[in-house]
Amino acid sequence: MAYPKAAIARELRSIIRDRLGVNTDQLPGETTLSSMGLDFILFCDLMEVIEDRFNISVKSKQIDECFTLDESVAWLEHLLNEESADQDEAILAEGAD
């Protein structure tokens, strides 16, 4: 199942709003996560929530370059769609047996 970019952006902004207490509705996509008060501990908490919400596993090296909201959405979209493609391939492989 492909995840629409707009839905990912809405969900990510919601997670950031809930965890950081920042109103993300009017923030431009170029806003950096650090400018919203994201430090290492909050970053780890945010990754945990993203993993739980989207049922994925995040490796810390995968998000090293995601500094803005837009970059974070693009990274998450890529990760989710990659994960979805892997699941589809596993289902097809099971059916071939």
N, C-alpha and C. Protein backbone atom coordinates (compact mmCIF):
# COMPACT_ATOMS: atom_id res chain seq x y z
N MET A 1 0.84 -1.19 0.00
CA MET A 1 0.00 0.00 0.00
C MET A 1 0.88 1.24 0.00
N ALA A 2 0.68 2.11 -0.95
CA ALA A 2 1.44 3.36 -1.01
C ALA A 2 0.81 4.38 -0.06
N TYR A 3 1.65 5.15 0.57
CA TYR A 3 1.18 6.17 1.49
C TYR A 3 1.21 7.52 0.78
N PRO A 4 0.09 8.22 0.71
CA PRO A 4 0.08 9.54 0.06
C PRO A 4 0.92 10.54 0.85
N LYS A 5 1.66 11.35 0.12
CA LYS A 5 2.55 12.32 0.75
C LYS A 5 1.79 13.28 1.67
N ALA A 6 0.61 13.72 1.25
CA ALA A 6 -0.16 14.66 2.07
C ALA A 6 -0.56 14.03 3.41
N ALA A 7 -0.91 12.76 3.39
CA ALA A 7 -1.29 12.07 4.62
C ALA A 7 -0.08 11.91 5.55
N ILE A 8 1.06 11.61 4.96
CA ILE A 8 2.29 11.48 5.75
C ILE A 8 2.63 12.82 6.39
N ALA A 9 2.54 13.90 5.61
CA ALA A 9 2.85 15.24 6.13
C ALA A 9 1.91 15.60 7.27
N ARG A 10 0.62 15.32 7.11
CA ARG A 10 -0.36 15.62 8.17
C ARG A 10 -0.03 14.85 9.44
N GLU A 11 0.27 13.56 9.27
CA GLU A 11 0.55 12.71 10.43
C GLU A 11 1.85 13.14 11.12
N LEU A 12 2.88 13.43 10.35
CA LEU A 12 4.15 13.87 10.94
C LEU A 12 3.98 15.19 11.68
N ARG A 13 3.27 16.12 11.08
CA ARG A 13 3.02 17.40 11.76
C ARG A 13 2.22 17.19 13.05
N SER A 14 1.28 16.26 13.02
CA SER A 14 0.49 15.95 14.21
C SER A 14 1.38 15.37 15.31
N ILE A 15 2.26 14.46 14.93
CA ILE A 15 3.19 13.86 15.91
C ILE A 15 4.08 14.93 16.51
N ILE A 16 4.63 15.81 15.68
CA ILE A 16 5.51 16.87 16.17
C ILE A 16 4.74 17.81 17.08
N ARG A 17 3.51 18.16 16.69
CA ARG A 17 2.69 19.04 17.52
C ARG A 17 2.45 18.40 18.89
N ASP A 18 2.11 17.11 18.90
CA ASP A 18 1.82 16.42 20.16
C ASP A 18 3.06 16.28 21.04
N ARG A 19 4.21 15.94 20.44
CA ARG A 19 5.41 15.67 21.21
C ARG A 19 6.17 16.94 21.61
N LEU A 20 6.18 17.95 20.73
CA LEU A 20 6.96 19.16 21.01
C LEU A 20 6.11 20.34 21.47
N GLY A 21 4.78 20.21 21.33
CA GLY A 21 3.90 21.30 21.72
C GLY A 21 4.02 22.51 20.81
N VAL A 22 4.37 22.27 19.54
CA VAL A 22 4.54 23.35 18.56
C VAL A 22 3.39 23.30 17.57
N ASN A 23 2.76 24.44 17.32
CA ASN A 23 1.70 24.49 16.31
C ASN A 23 2.35 24.44 14.94
N THR A 24 2.28 23.30 14.29
CA THR A 24 2.95 23.10 13.01
C THR A 24 2.08 23.46 11.81
N ASP A 25 0.81 23.81 12.04
CA ASP A 25 -0.11 24.07 10.94
C ASP A 25 0.35 25.17 10.00
N GLN A 26 0.94 26.21 10.53
CA GLN A 26 1.33 27.35 9.71
C GLN A 26 2.83 27.39 9.41
N LEU A 27 3.56 26.40 9.85
CA LEU A 27 5.02 26.39 9.62
C LEU A 27 5.33 26.00 8.19
N PRO A 28 6.24 26.72 7.54
CA PRO A 28 6.65 26.32 6.19
C PRO A 28 7.46 25.02 6.23
N GLY A 29 7.48 24.32 5.12
CA GLY A 29 8.19 23.06 5.02
C GLY A 29 9.68 23.18 5.24
N GLU A 30 10.21 24.38 5.09
CA GLU A 30 11.66 24.60 5.27
C GLU A 30 12.04 24.76 6.74
N THR A 31 11.06 24.72 7.63
CA THR A 31 11.33 24.87 9.06
C THR A 31 12.14 23.68 9.55
N THR A 32 13.23 23.97 10.23
CA THR A 32 14.07 22.88 10.74
C THR A 32 13.49 22.30 12.02
N LEU A 33 13.75 21.03 12.22
CA LEU A 33 13.28 20.38 13.44
C LEU A 33 13.95 20.99 14.66
N SER A 34 15.22 21.34 14.53
CA SER A 34 15.94 21.91 15.68
C SER A 34 15.38 23.28 16.06
N SER A 35 14.87 24.04 15.08
CA SER A 35 14.31 25.35 15.41
C SER A 35 13.00 25.23 16.19
N MET A 36 12.42 24.02 16.17
CA MET A 36 11.20 23.77 16.95
C MET A 36 11.53 23.23 18.33
N GLY A 37 12.81 23.14 18.66
CA GLY A 37 13.23 22.69 19.98
C GLY A 37 13.57 21.22 20.07
N LEU A 38 13.77 20.58 18.93
CA LEU A 38 14.09 19.15 18.93
C LEU A 38 15.54 18.95 19.35
N ASP A 39 15.74 18.28 20.48
CA ASP A 39 17.08 17.91 20.92
C ASP A 39 17.22 16.39 20.79
N PHE A 40 18.32 15.84 21.23
CA PHE A 40 18.57 14.41 21.04
C PHE A 40 17.51 13.54 21.73
N ILE A 41 17.16 13.89 22.94
CA ILE A 41 16.19 13.09 23.69
C ILE A 41 14.82 13.16 23.02
N LEU A 42 14.39 14.35 22.62
CA LEU A 42 13.12 14.48 21.93
C LEU A 42 13.15 13.80 20.56
N PHE A 43 14.31 13.84 19.91
CA PHE A 43 14.48 13.16 18.63
C PHE A 43 14.24 11.66 18.79
N CYS A 44 14.83 11.07 19.82
CA CYS A 44 14.66 9.64 20.08
C CYS A 44 13.19 9.32 20.37
N ASP A 45 12.55 10.18 21.15
CA ASP A 45 11.13 10.01 21.45
C ASP A 45 10.30 10.11 20.17
N LEU A 46 10.61 11.07 19.34
CA LEU A 46 9.90 11.26 18.07
C LEU A 46 10.04 10.03 17.17
N MET A 47 11.24 9.48 17.09
CA MET A 47 11.46 8.29 16.26
C MET A 47 10.66 7.10 16.79
N GLU A 48 10.57 6.98 18.11
CA GLU A 48 9.79 5.90 18.72
C GLU A 48 8.31 6.03 18.36
N VAL A 49 7.81 7.23 18.43
CA VAL A 49 6.40 7.47 18.09
C VAL A 49 6.16 7.19 16.61
N ILE A 50 7.07 7.62 15.74
CA ILE A 50 6.94 7.36 14.30
C ILE A 50 6.94 5.86 14.04
N GLU A 51 7.84 5.15 14.69
CA GLU A 51 7.90 3.69 14.52
C GLU A 51 6.58 3.04 14.93
N ASP A 52 6.05 3.46 16.08
CA ASP A 52 4.79 2.90 16.57
C ASP A 52 3.62 3.27 15.66
N ARG A 53 3.55 4.53 15.29
CA ARG A 53 2.41 5.01 14.51
C ARG A 53 2.35 4.38 13.12
N PHE A 54 3.52 4.22 12.49
CA PHE A 54 3.56 3.69 11.13
C PHE A 54 3.95 2.22 11.06
N ASN A 55 4.19 1.61 12.23
CA ASN A 55 4.57 0.20 12.30
C ASN A 55 5.79 -0.10 11.43
N ILE A 56 6.85 0.67 11.64
CA ILE A 56 8.10 0.51 10.90
C ILE A 56 9.27 0.52 11.87
N SER A 57 10.42 0.18 11.37
CA SER A 57 11.65 0.24 12.15
C SER A 57 12.55 1.30 11.52
N VAL A 58 13.03 2.22 12.33
CA VAL A 58 13.86 3.32 11.84
C VAL A 58 15.28 3.15 12.35
N LYS A 59 16.22 3.17 11.43
CA LYS A 59 17.63 3.16 11.80
C LYS A 59 18.08 4.61 11.89
N SER A 60 18.80 4.94 12.94
CA SER A 60 19.18 6.35 13.16
C SER A 60 19.94 6.94 11.98
N LYS A 61 20.72 6.12 11.27
CA LYS A 61 21.49 6.64 10.14
C LYS A 61 20.59 7.06 8.99
N GLN A 62 19.37 6.56 8.94
CA GLN A 62 18.47 6.88 7.84
C GLN A 62 17.96 8.31 7.89
N ILE A 63 17.98 8.93 9.02
CA ILE A 63 17.39 10.25 9.15
C ILE A 63 18.43 11.34 9.42
N ASP A 64 19.70 11.02 9.33
CA ASP A 64 20.75 11.99 9.62
C ASP A 64 20.60 13.30 8.85
N GLU A 65 20.15 13.24 7.62
CA GLU A 65 20.08 14.44 6.80
C GLU A 65 18.71 15.09 6.76
N CYS A 66 17.76 14.60 7.53
CA CYS A 66 16.41 15.16 7.52
C CYS A 66 16.32 16.30 8.54
N PHE A 67 16.56 17.48 8.06
CA PHE A 67 16.57 18.62 8.97
C PHE A 67 15.30 19.44 8.93
N THR A 68 14.60 19.45 7.79
CA THR A 68 13.40 20.27 7.68
C THR A 68 12.15 19.39 7.69
N LEU A 69 11.00 20.03 7.83
CA LEU A 69 9.74 19.28 7.77
C LEU A 69 9.60 18.58 6.42
N ASP A 70 9.87 19.31 5.33
CA ASP A 70 9.74 18.72 3.99
C ASP A 70 10.68 17.54 3.79
N GLU A 71 11.91 17.68 4.22
CA GLU A 71 12.87 16.59 4.09
C GLU A 71 12.45 15.39 4.93
N SER A 72 11.89 15.65 6.09
CA SER A 72 11.44 14.57 6.97
C SER A 72 10.27 13.83 6.34
N VAL A 73 9.35 14.57 5.72
CA VAL A 73 8.21 13.95 5.04
C VAL A 73 8.70 13.10 3.87
N ALA A 74 9.63 13.63 3.08
CA ALA A 74 10.17 12.88 1.93
C ALA A 74 10.87 11.61 2.39
N TRP A 75 11.64 11.70 3.47
CA TRP A 75 12.33 10.55 4.01
C TRP A 75 11.33 9.49 4.48
N LEU A 76 10.31 9.93 5.21
CA LEU A 76 9.31 9.00 5.74
C LEU A 76 8.49 8.38 4.60
N GLU A 77 8.16 9.17 3.59
CA GLU A 77 7.43 8.65 2.43
C GLU A 77 8.25 7.55 1.75
N HIS A 78 9.53 7.81 1.54
CA HIS A 78 10.41 6.82 0.92
C HIS A 78 10.47 5.55 1.77
N LEU A 79 10.66 5.71 3.05
CA LEU A 79 10.78 4.57 3.96
C LEU A 79 9.49 3.75 3.98
N LEU A 80 8.36 4.41 4.07
CA LEU A 80 7.08 3.71 4.12
C LEU A 80 6.79 2.96 2.82
N ASN A 81 7.05 3.60 1.71
CA ASN A 81 6.78 2.96 0.43
C ASN A 81 7.76 1.83 0.15
N GLU A 82 8.99 1.97 0.63
CA GLU A 82 9.98 0.90 0.51
C GLU A 82 9.54 -0.30 1.35
N GLU A 83 9.07 -0.03 2.55
CA GLU A 83 8.59 -1.07 3.46
C GLU A 83 7.38 -1.78 2.86
N SER A 84 6.49 -1.01 2.25
CA SER A 84 5.30 -1.56 1.62
C SER A 84 5.67 -2.47 0.45
N ALA A 85 6.63 -2.06 -0.35
CA ALA A 85 7.08 -2.86 -1.49
C ALA A 85 7.70 -4.17 -1.01
N ASP A 86 8.46 -4.12 0.08
CA ASP A 86 9.06 -5.33 0.65
C ASP A 86 7.98 -6.31 1.11
N GLN A 87 6.92 -5.78 1.72
CA GLN A 87 5.82 -6.63 2.18
C GLN A 87 5.09 -7.26 1.00
N ASP A 88 4.88 -6.47 -0.07
CA ASP A 88 4.23 -7.00 -1.26
C ASP A 88 5.03 -8.12 -1.88
N GLU A 89 6.35 -7.96 -1.95
CA GLU A 89 7.23 -9.00 -2.50
C GLU A 89 7.17 -10.27 -1.65
N ALA A 90 7.11 -10.13 -0.34
CA ALA A 90 7.04 -11.29 0.56
C ALA A 90 5.72 -12.04 0.33
N ILE A 91 4.65 -11.31 0.15
CA ILE A 91 3.34 -11.94 -0.09
C ILE A 91 3.36 -12.69 -1.41
N LEU A 92 3.93 -12.08 -2.44
CA LEU A 92 4.02 -12.73 -3.74
C LEU A 92 4.89 -13.98 -3.67
N ALA A 93 5.98 -13.92 -2.93
CA ALA A 93 6.87 -15.06 -2.79
C ALA A 93 6.17 -16.21 -2.09
N GLU A 94 5.35 -15.91 -1.08
CA GLU A 94 4.61 -16.94 -0.37
C GLU A 94 3.60 -17.61 -1.29
N GLY A 95 2.99 -16.81 -2.16
CA GLY A 95 2.01 -17.34 -3.09
C GLY A 95 2.61 -18.22 -4.16
N ALA A 96 3.90 -18.04 -4.44
CA ALA A 96 4.59 -18.83 -5.48
C ALA A 96 4.95 -20.22 -4.98
N ASP A 97 4.93 -20.42 -3.66
CA ASP A 97 5.30 -21.73 -3.08
C ASP A 97 4.27 -22.76 -3.31
